Amino acid sequence: MSDILLLSGGIDSAALAAWYRPDLCITVDYGQRAAAAEASAAKSICEALALRHENFEIPVPQLGAGDMSAGFPCRHSQHSEFWPFRNQFLVTLAAMRAIQCHCGRILIGSVSTDVRHVDGRKEFIEQLGNLLEIQEGGLRLMAPAISMTSLELVQASGIPMEVLAWSHSCHLSDLACGSCKGCIKHSEIMAPLGYDR
């Protein structure tokens, strides 16, 4: 069965790209602040891994919240990087493309620490997957690393460090700010791998 991967250009999705070698990786500019850097990172990762990559620009910044948008706070989440219905939106876009290119599975890079967001929890992903399966195309949604930490995913994937180095995790900018939750996570994963600069 052929796969399509939602590739943000971050560590988790980069590791999944190396591990599963999907038929197609897609990156979506939905209006997030670091969209250009994410697209560039995803393109470089796919080039290094010889994977097919497509970038879609469907910006809806006016619907965003938190750090990744214009910074509007959202009373529905205590987490600064929360963007309402982001994963549901991105999975829906991936499903549209999967139908066109006859891919049967959609892969997303959710890991065990994503449970702080409802749309990163196993139960949510299973329910969204059930919804996709009963629609035309009978698509399957998979989060292969849902029970793993990001570090465990990187180690299991065998991603070369020179490829992982292309990843971009900053929520606030095209250049790593070093202080947002995405940058902190990036540093926490890279340090035990010997890249603690």
N, C-alpha and C. Protein backbone atom coordinates (compact mmCIF):
# COMPACT_ATOMS: atom_id res chain seq x y z
N MET A 1 0.85 -1.18 0.00
CA MET A 1 0.00 0.00 0.00
C MET A 1 0.89 1.24 0.00
N SER A 2 0.58 2.21 -0.82
CA SER A 2 1.40 3.41 -0.92
C SER A 2 1.03 4.41 0.17
N ASP A 3 2.04 5.19 0.60
CA ASP A 3 1.89 6.11 1.71
C ASP A 3 2.11 7.55 1.30
N ILE A 4 1.44 8.44 2.02
CA ILE A 4 1.66 9.87 1.91
C ILE A 4 1.97 10.36 3.32
N LEU A 5 3.02 11.17 3.47
CA LEU A 5 3.44 11.65 4.77
C LEU A 5 3.26 13.15 4.86
N LEU A 6 2.64 13.61 5.95
CA LEU A 6 2.61 15.03 6.26
C LEU A 6 3.97 15.38 6.85
N LEU A 7 4.77 16.09 6.08
CA LEU A 7 6.15 16.41 6.45
C LEU A 7 6.26 17.89 6.79
N SER A 8 6.33 18.20 8.06
CA SER A 8 6.44 19.60 8.48
C SER A 8 7.86 20.12 8.32
N GLY A 9 8.81 19.22 8.25
CA GLY A 9 10.20 19.63 8.23
C GLY A 9 10.82 19.57 9.61
N GLY A 10 10.02 19.20 10.62
CA GLY A 10 10.53 19.04 11.98
C GLY A 10 11.16 17.68 12.19
N ILE A 11 11.70 17.48 13.38
CA ILE A 11 12.43 16.25 13.69
C ILE A 11 11.57 15.00 13.54
N ASP A 12 10.35 15.02 14.07
CA ASP A 12 9.52 13.82 14.07
C ASP A 12 9.14 13.39 12.66
N SER A 13 8.66 14.32 11.87
CA SER A 13 8.25 13.95 10.51
C SER A 13 9.45 13.61 9.64
N ALA A 14 10.60 14.25 9.89
CA ALA A 14 11.82 13.92 9.15
C ALA A 14 12.23 12.48 9.43
N ALA A 15 12.15 12.09 10.71
CA ALA A 15 12.51 10.71 11.08
C ALA A 15 11.55 9.71 10.44
N LEU A 16 10.26 10.05 10.40
CA LEU A 16 9.29 9.16 9.74
C LEU A 16 9.58 9.04 8.25
N ALA A 17 9.99 10.13 7.63
CA ALA A 17 10.33 10.08 6.21
C ALA A 17 11.45 9.09 5.95
N ALA A 18 12.47 9.13 6.82
CA ALA A 18 13.60 8.21 6.67
C ALA A 18 13.21 6.78 6.97
N TRP A 19 12.34 6.59 7.94
CA TRP A 19 11.96 5.25 8.38
C TRP A 19 11.00 4.57 7.40
N TYR A 20 9.96 5.30 6.98
CA TYR A 20 8.91 4.69 6.16
C TYR A 20 9.09 4.91 4.66
N ARG A 21 9.92 5.85 4.28
CA ARG A 21 10.19 6.13 2.86
C ARG A 21 8.88 6.18 2.06
N PRO A 22 8.01 7.13 2.39
CA PRO A 22 6.69 7.21 1.74
C PRO A 22 6.80 7.54 0.25
N ASP A 23 5.74 7.24 -0.47
CA ASP A 23 5.70 7.53 -1.91
C ASP A 23 5.63 9.02 -2.17
N LEU A 24 5.04 9.76 -1.23
CA LEU A 24 4.90 11.21 -1.38
C LEU A 24 4.94 11.87 -0.01
N CYS A 25 5.69 12.96 0.09
CA CYS A 25 5.70 13.79 1.30
C CYS A 25 5.09 15.13 0.93
N ILE A 26 4.18 15.62 1.76
CA ILE A 26 3.60 16.94 1.49
C ILE A 26 3.81 17.86 2.69
N THR A 27 4.08 19.10 2.36
CA THR A 27 4.25 20.15 3.35
C THR A 27 3.21 21.21 3.06
N VAL A 28 2.60 21.76 4.09
CA VAL A 28 1.53 22.73 3.91
C VAL A 28 1.87 24.04 4.60
N ASP A 29 1.83 25.10 3.81
CA ASP A 29 1.90 26.47 4.34
C ASP A 29 0.47 26.87 4.63
N TYR A 30 0.08 26.82 5.92
CA TYR A 30 -1.28 27.17 6.30
C TYR A 30 -1.32 28.55 6.97
N GLY A 31 -0.20 29.27 6.87
CA GLY A 31 -0.11 30.60 7.43
C GLY A 31 0.71 30.68 8.69
N GLN A 32 1.39 29.59 9.05
CA GLN A 32 2.23 29.59 10.23
C GLN A 32 3.46 30.46 10.02
N ARG A 33 3.97 31.05 11.07
CA ARG A 33 5.09 31.99 10.98
C ARG A 33 6.32 31.40 10.30
N ALA A 34 6.63 30.15 10.57
CA ALA A 34 7.85 29.53 10.03
C ALA A 34 7.60 28.72 8.77
N ALA A 35 6.55 29.05 8.03
CA ALA A 35 6.18 28.26 6.85
C ALA A 35 7.31 28.15 5.84
N ALA A 36 8.00 29.24 5.55
CA ALA A 36 9.06 29.20 4.54
C ALA A 36 10.20 28.28 4.98
N ALA A 37 10.58 28.36 6.25
CA ALA A 37 11.67 27.51 6.76
C ALA A 37 11.24 26.05 6.79
N GLU A 38 9.98 25.78 7.15
CA GLU A 38 9.49 24.41 7.16
C GLU A 38 9.51 23.82 5.75
N ALA A 39 9.06 24.60 4.78
CA ALA A 39 9.04 24.13 3.39
C ALA A 39 10.46 23.87 2.89
N SER A 40 11.38 24.76 3.23
CA SER A 40 12.77 24.59 2.81
C SER A 40 13.40 23.36 3.46
N ALA A 41 13.14 23.18 4.76
CA ALA A 41 13.67 22.01 5.46
C ALA A 41 13.11 20.73 4.86
N ALA A 42 11.79 20.70 4.64
CA ALA A 42 11.15 19.51 4.08
C ALA A 42 11.71 19.18 2.70
N LYS A 43 11.90 20.20 1.89
CA LYS A 43 12.45 19.98 0.54
C LYS A 43 13.86 19.40 0.63
N SER A 44 14.69 19.95 1.51
CA SER A 44 16.06 19.45 1.66
C SER A 44 16.09 18.02 2.19
N ILE A 45 15.22 17.72 3.14
CA ILE A 45 15.13 16.36 3.69
C ILE A 45 14.75 15.37 2.60
N CYS A 46 13.76 15.74 1.79
CA CYS A 46 13.31 14.84 0.72
C CYS A 46 14.38 14.68 -0.36
N GLU A 47 15.08 15.74 -0.68
CA GLU A 47 16.16 15.63 -1.66
C GLU A 47 17.24 14.69 -1.15
N ALA A 48 17.60 14.83 0.14
CA ALA A 48 18.65 13.98 0.71
C ALA A 48 18.22 12.52 0.77
N LEU A 49 16.93 12.28 0.97
CA LEU A 49 16.43 10.90 1.07
C LEU A 49 15.88 10.37 -0.26
N ALA A 50 15.97 11.19 -1.31
CA ALA A 50 15.45 10.82 -2.63
C ALA A 50 13.97 10.48 -2.59
N LEU A 51 13.20 11.33 -1.92
CA LEU A 51 11.75 11.16 -1.80
C LEU A 51 11.03 12.27 -2.56
N ARG A 52 9.88 11.94 -3.07
CA ARG A 52 9.05 12.91 -3.80
C ARG A 52 8.41 13.87 -2.79
N HIS A 53 8.45 15.15 -3.10
CA HIS A 53 7.93 16.17 -2.19
C HIS A 53 7.07 17.18 -2.94
N GLU A 54 5.98 17.57 -2.29
CA GLU A 54 5.12 18.63 -2.81
C GLU A 54 4.82 19.61 -1.69
N ASN A 55 4.77 20.88 -2.04
CA ASN A 55 4.46 21.93 -1.08
C ASN A 55 3.15 22.60 -1.50
N PHE A 56 2.25 22.76 -0.54
CA PHE A 56 0.96 23.41 -0.80
C PHE A 56 0.85 24.68 0.01
N GLU A 57 0.37 25.73 -0.62
CA GLU A 57 0.14 26.99 0.07
C GLU A 57 -1.35 27.22 0.19
N ILE A 58 -1.86 27.04 1.40
CA ILE A 58 -3.28 27.24 1.70
C ILE A 58 -3.33 28.05 2.99
N PRO A 59 -2.83 29.28 2.94
CA PRO A 59 -2.68 30.05 4.18
C PRO A 59 -4.01 30.55 4.73
N VAL A 60 -4.21 30.28 6.00
CA VAL A 60 -5.38 30.77 6.72
C VAL A 60 -4.92 31.37 8.06
N PRO A 61 -4.01 32.33 8.02
CA PRO A 61 -3.46 32.86 9.28
C PRO A 61 -4.52 33.51 10.17
N GLN A 62 -5.56 34.02 9.55
CA GLN A 62 -6.61 34.66 10.34
C GLN A 62 -7.39 33.67 11.20
N LEU A 63 -7.23 32.36 10.94
CA LEU A 63 -7.89 31.34 11.73
C LEU A 63 -6.98 30.71 12.77
N GLY A 64 -5.75 31.19 12.84
CA GLY A 64 -4.77 30.62 13.76
C GLY A 64 -4.83 31.24 15.14
N ALA A 65 -4.08 30.65 16.04
CA ALA A 65 -3.94 31.15 17.39
C ALA A 65 -2.58 30.75 17.91
N GLY A 66 -2.12 31.41 18.92
CA GLY A 66 -0.88 31.02 19.57
C GLY A 66 0.37 31.46 18.85
N ASP A 67 1.49 30.90 19.30
CA ASP A 67 2.81 31.29 18.81
C ASP A 67 2.98 31.19 17.31
N MET A 68 2.40 30.17 16.70
CA MET A 68 2.64 29.93 15.28
C MET A 68 1.88 30.87 14.37
N SER A 69 0.91 31.61 14.92
CA SER A 69 0.17 32.59 14.12
C SER A 69 0.63 33.98 14.53
N ALA A 70 -0.25 34.93 14.50
CA ALA A 70 0.10 36.29 14.89
C ALA A 70 0.17 36.43 16.41
N GLY A 71 0.05 35.31 17.10
CA GLY A 71 0.20 35.32 18.53
C GLY A 71 -1.09 35.52 19.30
N PHE A 72 -2.23 35.41 18.62
CA PHE A 72 -3.49 35.58 19.33
C PHE A 72 -3.67 34.44 20.33
N PRO A 73 -3.90 34.75 21.59
CA PRO A 73 -4.11 33.67 22.56
C PRO A 73 -5.44 32.96 22.31
N CYS A 74 -5.51 31.73 22.73
CA CYS A 74 -6.74 30.97 22.58
C CYS A 74 -7.17 30.45 23.94
N ARG A 75 -8.36 30.74 24.34
CA ARG A 75 -8.83 30.34 25.68
C ARG A 75 -9.10 28.84 25.76
N HIS A 76 -9.02 28.13 24.65
CA HIS A 76 -9.31 26.69 24.64
C HIS A 76 -8.10 25.82 24.95
N SER A 77 -6.92 26.40 25.06
CA SER A 77 -5.72 25.61 25.35
C SER A 77 -4.75 26.44 26.17
N GLN A 78 -4.06 25.77 27.07
CA GLN A 78 -3.04 26.43 27.88
C GLN A 78 -1.68 26.44 27.19
N HIS A 79 -1.58 25.81 26.04
CA HIS A 79 -0.30 25.68 25.35
C HIS A 79 -0.13 26.77 24.31
N SER A 80 1.00 27.45 24.37
CA SER A 80 1.22 28.62 23.53
C SER A 80 1.27 28.31 22.03
N GLU A 81 1.58 27.06 21.66
CA GLU A 81 1.67 26.72 20.23
C GLU A 81 0.36 26.18 19.66
N PHE A 82 -0.71 26.20 20.43
CA PHE A 82 -2.00 25.67 19.98
C PHE A 82 -2.54 26.45 18.78
N TRP A 83 -2.96 25.71 17.74
CA TRP A 83 -3.62 26.25 16.54
C TRP A 83 -4.88 25.42 16.37
N PRO A 84 -6.06 26.01 16.51
CA PRO A 84 -7.30 25.22 16.51
C PRO A 84 -7.47 24.33 15.28
N PHE A 85 -7.74 23.07 15.52
CA PHE A 85 -8.07 22.08 14.50
C PHE A 85 -6.98 21.91 13.43
N ARG A 86 -5.76 22.24 13.77
CA ARG A 86 -4.65 22.18 12.81
C ARG A 86 -4.45 20.77 12.26
N ASN A 87 -4.32 19.77 13.14
CA ASN A 87 -4.06 18.41 12.64
C ASN A 87 -5.22 17.89 11.80
N GLN A 88 -6.43 18.19 12.22
CA GLN A 88 -7.60 17.76 11.45
C GLN A 88 -7.59 18.39 10.06
N PHE A 89 -7.26 19.67 10.00
CA PHE A 89 -7.17 20.40 8.74
C PHE A 89 -6.09 19.80 7.84
N LEU A 90 -4.90 19.57 8.41
CA LEU A 90 -3.79 19.05 7.61
C LEU A 90 -4.05 17.62 7.13
N VAL A 91 -4.64 16.80 7.98
CA VAL A 91 -4.97 15.43 7.58
C VAL A 91 -6.01 15.45 6.46
N THR A 92 -6.97 16.35 6.55
CA THR A 92 -7.98 16.47 5.49
C THR A 92 -7.33 16.85 4.15
N LEU A 93 -6.41 17.79 4.18
CA LEU A 93 -5.70 18.16 2.95
C LEU A 93 -4.89 16.99 2.40
N ALA A 94 -4.21 16.27 3.30
CA ALA A 94 -3.44 15.09 2.88
C ALA A 94 -4.36 14.03 2.28
N ALA A 95 -5.55 13.88 2.85
CA ALA A 95 -6.51 12.90 2.33
C ALA A 95 -6.96 13.28 0.92
N MET A 96 -7.18 14.56 0.69
CA MET A 96 -7.56 15.02 -0.66
C MET A 96 -6.48 14.66 -1.67
N ARG A 97 -5.22 14.90 -1.30
CA ARG A 97 -4.11 14.59 -2.20
C ARG A 97 -3.92 13.07 -2.33
N ALA A 98 -4.14 12.34 -1.25
CA ALA A 98 -4.00 10.88 -1.28
C ALA A 98 -4.98 10.26 -2.27
N ILE A 99 -6.20 10.77 -2.30
CA ILE A 99 -7.20 10.27 -3.25
C ILE A 99 -6.73 10.49 -4.68
N GLN A 100 -6.16 11.67 -4.94
CA GLN A 100 -5.69 11.99 -6.29
C GLN A 100 -4.55 11.09 -6.74
N CYS A 101 -3.64 10.80 -5.83
CA CYS A 101 -2.44 10.03 -6.23
C CYS A 101 -2.51 8.56 -5.83
N HIS A 102 -3.70 8.12 -5.44
CA HIS A 102 -3.95 6.70 -5.15
C HIS A 102 -3.09 6.16 -4.01
N CYS A 103 -2.84 7.00 -3.01
CA CYS A 103 -2.16 6.54 -1.81
C CYS A 103 -3.22 6.03 -0.84
N GLY A 104 -2.93 4.94 -0.16
CA GLY A 104 -3.92 4.35 0.72
C GLY A 104 -3.75 4.70 2.19
N ARG A 105 -2.55 5.18 2.55
CA ARG A 105 -2.30 5.49 3.96
C ARG A 105 -1.72 6.89 4.09
N ILE A 106 -2.14 7.57 5.16
CA ILE A 106 -1.60 8.87 5.52
C ILE A 106 -0.83 8.69 6.81
N LEU A 107 0.42 9.12 6.80
CA LEU A 107 1.27 9.03 7.98
C LEU A 107 1.44 10.41 8.60
N ILE A 108 1.33 10.47 9.92
CA ILE A 108 1.58 11.72 10.64
C ILE A 108 2.58 11.46 11.75
N GLY A 109 3.32 12.49 12.11
CA GLY A 109 4.43 12.37 13.05
C GLY A 109 4.09 12.59 14.50
N SER A 110 2.93 12.20 14.95
CA SER A 110 2.60 12.35 16.37
C SER A 110 3.45 11.40 17.21
N VAL A 111 3.96 11.92 18.34
CA VAL A 111 4.75 11.12 19.28
C VAL A 111 4.10 11.19 20.66
N SER A 112 4.65 10.43 21.60
CA SER A 112 4.01 10.29 22.91
C SER A 112 3.85 11.61 23.65
N THR A 113 4.75 12.56 23.45
CA THR A 113 4.64 13.84 24.16
C THR A 113 3.58 14.76 23.58
N ASP A 114 3.02 14.40 22.44
CA ASP A 114 1.98 15.24 21.82
C ASP A 114 0.63 15.10 22.51
N VAL A 115 0.54 14.26 23.54
CA VAL A 115 -0.73 14.07 24.23
C VAL A 115 -1.21 15.33 24.94
N ARG A 116 -0.36 16.32 25.08
CA ARG A 116 -0.79 17.57 25.72
C ARG A 116 -1.82 18.30 24.85
N HIS A 117 -1.87 17.94 23.58
CA HIS A 117 -2.90 18.47 22.67
C HIS A 117 -3.88 17.34 22.37
N VAL A 118 -5.15 17.63 22.39
CA VAL A 118 -6.16 16.60 22.12
C VAL A 118 -5.92 15.97 20.75
N ASP A 119 -5.56 16.78 19.74
CA ASP A 119 -5.38 16.22 18.39
C ASP A 119 -4.06 15.47 18.22
N GLY A 120 -3.30 15.32 19.29
CA GLY A 120 -2.09 14.50 19.27
C GLY A 120 -2.25 13.20 20.03
N ARG A 121 -3.45 12.99 20.57
CA ARG A 121 -3.70 11.79 21.37
C ARG A 121 -4.12 10.62 20.49
N LYS A 122 -3.77 9.44 20.95
CA LYS A 122 -4.08 8.20 20.22
C LYS A 122 -5.57 8.09 19.91
N GLU A 123 -6.42 8.42 20.89
CA GLU A 123 -7.86 8.30 20.71
C GLU A 123 -8.36 9.22 19.59
N PHE A 124 -7.82 10.44 19.54
CA PHE A 124 -8.21 11.38 18.50
C PHE A 124 -7.80 10.86 17.13
N ILE A 125 -6.57 10.40 17.03
CA ILE A 125 -6.05 9.90 15.75
C ILE A 125 -6.85 8.67 15.30
N GLU A 126 -7.21 7.80 16.24
CA GLU A 126 -8.03 6.64 15.87
C GLU A 126 -9.40 7.07 15.37
N GLN A 127 -10.03 8.04 16.01
CA GLN A 127 -11.34 8.51 15.58
C GLN A 127 -11.27 9.19 14.22
N LEU A 128 -10.24 10.01 14.01
CA LEU A 128 -10.07 10.66 12.71
C LEU A 128 -9.80 9.60 11.64
N GLY A 129 -9.03 8.59 11.99
CA GLY A 129 -8.79 7.48 11.06
C GLY A 129 -10.06 6.73 10.72
N ASN A 130 -10.91 6.51 11.71
CA ASN A 130 -12.20 5.84 11.46
C ASN A 130 -13.04 6.65 10.48
N LEU A 131 -13.04 7.95 10.64
CA LEU A 131 -13.79 8.83 9.75
C LEU A 131 -13.28 8.72 8.31
N LEU A 132 -11.96 8.71 8.15
CA LEU A 132 -11.38 8.58 6.81
C LEU A 132 -11.73 7.24 6.18
N GLU A 133 -11.70 6.19 6.98
CA GLU A 133 -11.95 4.84 6.45
C GLU A 133 -13.37 4.65 5.93
N ILE A 134 -14.34 5.36 6.50
CA ILE A 134 -15.72 5.18 6.03
C ILE A 134 -16.08 6.09 4.87
N GLN A 135 -15.16 6.97 4.49
CA GLN A 135 -15.40 7.85 3.35
C GLN A 135 -14.84 7.23 2.07
N GLU A 136 -15.16 7.85 0.96
CA GLU A 136 -14.66 7.38 -0.32
C GLU A 136 -13.14 7.27 -0.26
N GLY A 137 -12.64 6.18 -0.79
CA GLY A 137 -11.20 5.95 -0.80
C GLY A 137 -10.74 5.02 0.31
N GLY A 138 -11.51 4.95 1.40
CA GLY A 138 -11.15 4.06 2.50
C GLY A 138 -9.74 4.25 3.00
N LEU A 139 -9.33 5.50 3.17
CA LEU A 139 -7.96 5.79 3.57
C LEU A 139 -7.69 5.39 5.01
N ARG A 140 -6.44 5.05 5.28
CA ARG A 140 -6.02 4.73 6.65
C ARG A 140 -5.10 5.83 7.16
N LEU A 141 -5.31 6.21 8.41
CA LEU A 141 -4.47 7.20 9.07
C LEU A 141 -3.60 6.48 10.08
N MET A 142 -2.29 6.73 10.01
CA MET A 142 -1.36 6.06 10.91
C MET A 142 -0.44 7.07 11.58
N ALA A 143 -0.21 6.86 12.86
CA ALA A 143 0.79 7.61 13.62
C ALA A 143 1.75 6.57 14.19
N PRO A 144 2.69 6.11 13.37
CA PRO A 144 3.53 4.97 13.77
C PRO A 144 4.35 5.18 15.04
N ALA A 145 4.60 6.44 15.40
CA ALA A 145 5.46 6.72 16.56
C ALA A 145 4.67 7.23 17.76
N ILE A 146 3.36 7.02 17.77
CA ILE A 146 2.50 7.58 18.81
C ILE A 146 2.90 7.12 20.22
N SER A 147 3.53 5.97 20.33
CA SER A 147 3.94 5.45 21.65
C SER A 147 5.42 5.68 21.93
N MET A 148 6.09 6.43 21.07
CA MET A 148 7.52 6.67 21.21
C MET A 148 7.80 8.13 21.56
N THR A 149 8.93 8.38 22.18
CA THR A 149 9.40 9.75 22.33
C THR A 149 10.05 10.15 21.01
N SER A 150 10.30 11.42 20.85
CA SER A 150 10.98 11.87 19.64
C SER A 150 12.37 11.26 19.51
N LEU A 151 13.07 11.18 20.63
CA LEU A 151 14.41 10.59 20.60
C LEU A 151 14.35 9.11 20.20
N GLU A 152 13.40 8.38 20.74
CA GLU A 152 13.23 6.97 20.36
C GLU A 152 12.91 6.85 18.88
N LEU A 153 12.08 7.75 18.37
CA LEU A 153 11.74 7.74 16.94
C LEU A 153 12.96 7.99 16.08
N VAL A 154 13.74 8.98 16.44
CA VAL A 154 14.96 9.28 15.67
C VAL A 154 15.88 8.08 15.66
N GLN A 155 16.07 7.47 16.82
CA GLN A 155 16.96 6.31 16.91
C GLN A 155 16.43 5.12 16.12
N ALA A 156 15.13 4.87 16.18
CA ALA A 156 14.53 3.74 15.46
C ALA A 156 14.55 3.95 13.95
N SER A 157 14.45 5.21 13.54
CA SER A 157 14.34 5.51 12.10
C SER A 157 15.64 5.30 11.35
N GLY A 158 16.75 5.45 12.04
CA GLY A 158 18.04 5.36 11.36
C GLY A 158 18.34 6.55 10.48
N ILE A 159 17.64 7.66 10.70
CA ILE A 159 17.87 8.84 9.87
C ILE A 159 19.32 9.32 10.03
N PRO A 160 20.01 9.54 8.93
CA PRO A 160 21.38 10.05 9.04
C PRO A 160 21.38 11.45 9.68
N MET A 161 22.36 11.71 10.52
CA MET A 161 22.41 13.00 11.21
C MET A 161 22.53 14.17 10.24
N GLU A 162 23.19 13.94 9.11
CA GLU A 162 23.30 15.04 8.14
C GLU A 162 21.96 15.38 7.50
N VAL A 163 21.02 14.43 7.52
CA VAL A 163 19.66 14.69 7.03
C VAL A 163 18.83 15.33 8.14
N LEU A 164 18.93 14.80 9.35
CA LEU A 164 18.20 15.36 10.48
C LEU A 164 18.59 16.82 10.73
N ALA A 165 19.82 17.15 10.41
CA ALA A 165 20.30 18.52 10.61
C ALA A 165 19.51 19.54 9.79
N TRP A 166 18.84 19.10 8.75
CA TRP A 166 18.02 20.01 7.94
C TRP A 166 16.72 20.40 8.64
N SER A 167 16.31 19.65 9.65
CA SER A 167 15.00 19.87 10.27
C SER A 167 14.89 21.26 10.90
N HIS A 168 13.66 21.77 10.91
CA HIS A 168 13.38 23.09 11.48
C HIS A 168 12.20 22.95 12.43
N SER A 169 12.38 23.38 13.67
CA SER A 169 11.35 23.19 14.69
C SER A 169 10.80 24.47 15.29
N CYS A 170 11.39 25.61 14.97
CA CYS A 170 10.98 26.87 15.59
C CYS A 170 9.54 27.22 15.24
N HIS A 171 8.77 27.63 16.23
CA HIS A 171 7.38 28.04 16.03
C HIS A 171 7.24 29.50 15.66
N LEU A 172 8.28 30.28 15.93
CA LEU A 172 8.15 31.74 15.83
C LEU A 172 8.79 32.37 14.61
N SER A 173 9.73 31.67 13.97
CA SER A 173 10.52 32.34 12.95
C SER A 173 11.13 31.36 11.95
N ASP A 174 11.56 31.90 10.82
CA ASP A 174 12.29 31.10 9.84
C ASP A 174 13.71 30.82 10.31
N LEU A 175 14.20 31.60 11.26
CA LEU A 175 15.48 31.34 11.91
C LEU A 175 15.18 30.90 13.34
N ALA A 176 15.84 29.87 13.80
CA ALA A 176 15.56 29.34 15.13
C ALA A 176 15.74 30.41 16.20
N CYS A 177 14.70 30.63 17.01
CA CYS A 177 14.77 31.64 18.06
C CYS A 177 15.51 31.12 19.28
N GLY A 178 15.51 29.79 19.47
CA GLY A 178 16.20 29.19 20.59
C GLY A 178 15.42 29.14 21.89
N SER A 179 14.23 29.75 21.91
CA SER A 179 13.51 29.80 23.19
C SER A 179 12.06 29.32 23.14
N CYS A 180 11.49 29.12 21.96
CA CYS A 180 10.11 28.63 21.88
C CYS A 180 10.08 27.13 22.19
N LYS A 181 8.89 26.58 22.38
CA LYS A 181 8.78 25.16 22.71
C LYS A 181 9.37 24.27 21.62
N GLY A 182 9.23 24.68 20.35
CA GLY A 182 9.80 23.89 19.26
C GLY A 182 11.31 23.86 19.30
N CYS A 183 11.92 25.01 19.55
CA CYS A 183 13.39 25.08 19.63
C CYS A 183 13.92 24.32 20.84
N ILE A 184 13.22 24.42 21.96
CA ILE A 184 13.64 23.69 23.16
C ILE A 184 13.58 22.19 22.91
N LYS A 185 12.49 21.73 22.29
CA LYS A 185 12.37 20.30 21.96
C LYS A 185 13.51 19.87 21.04
N HIS A 186 13.80 20.68 20.04
CA HIS A 186 14.87 20.38 19.08
C HIS A 186 16.20 20.19 19.83
N SER A 187 16.51 21.12 20.72
CA SER A 187 17.76 21.03 21.49
C SER A 187 17.79 19.80 22.39
N GLU A 188 16.65 19.51 23.03
CA GLU A 188 16.57 18.36 23.94
C GLU A 188 16.77 17.03 23.21
N ILE A 189 16.41 16.98 21.95
CA ILE A 189 16.59 15.76 21.17
C ILE A 189 18.00 15.68 20.58
N MET A 190 18.49 16.80 20.09
CA MET A 190 19.81 16.79 19.45
C MET A 190 20.95 16.60 20.44
N ALA A 191 20.79 17.09 21.68
CA ALA A 191 21.89 17.01 22.65
C ALA A 191 22.32 15.57 22.93
N PRO A 192 21.39 14.63 23.23
CA PRO A 192 21.86 13.27 23.49
C PRO A 192 22.43 12.57 22.26
N LEU A 193 22.18 13.14 21.09
CA LEU A 193 22.74 12.59 19.86
C LEU A 193 24.11 13.16 19.55
N GLY A 194 24.57 14.08 20.44
CA GLY A 194 25.89 14.65 20.26
C GLY A 194 25.91 15.97 19.55
N TYR A 195 24.74 16.57 19.35
CA TYR A 195 24.64 17.86 18.66
C TYR A 195 24.02 18.86 19.63
N ASP A 196 24.79 19.35 20.56
CA ASP A 196 24.26 20.20 21.62
C ASP A 196 24.67 21.66 21.49
N ARG A 197 24.95 22.08 20.28
CA ARG A 197 25.33 23.48 20.08
C ARG A 197 24.13 24.39 20.16
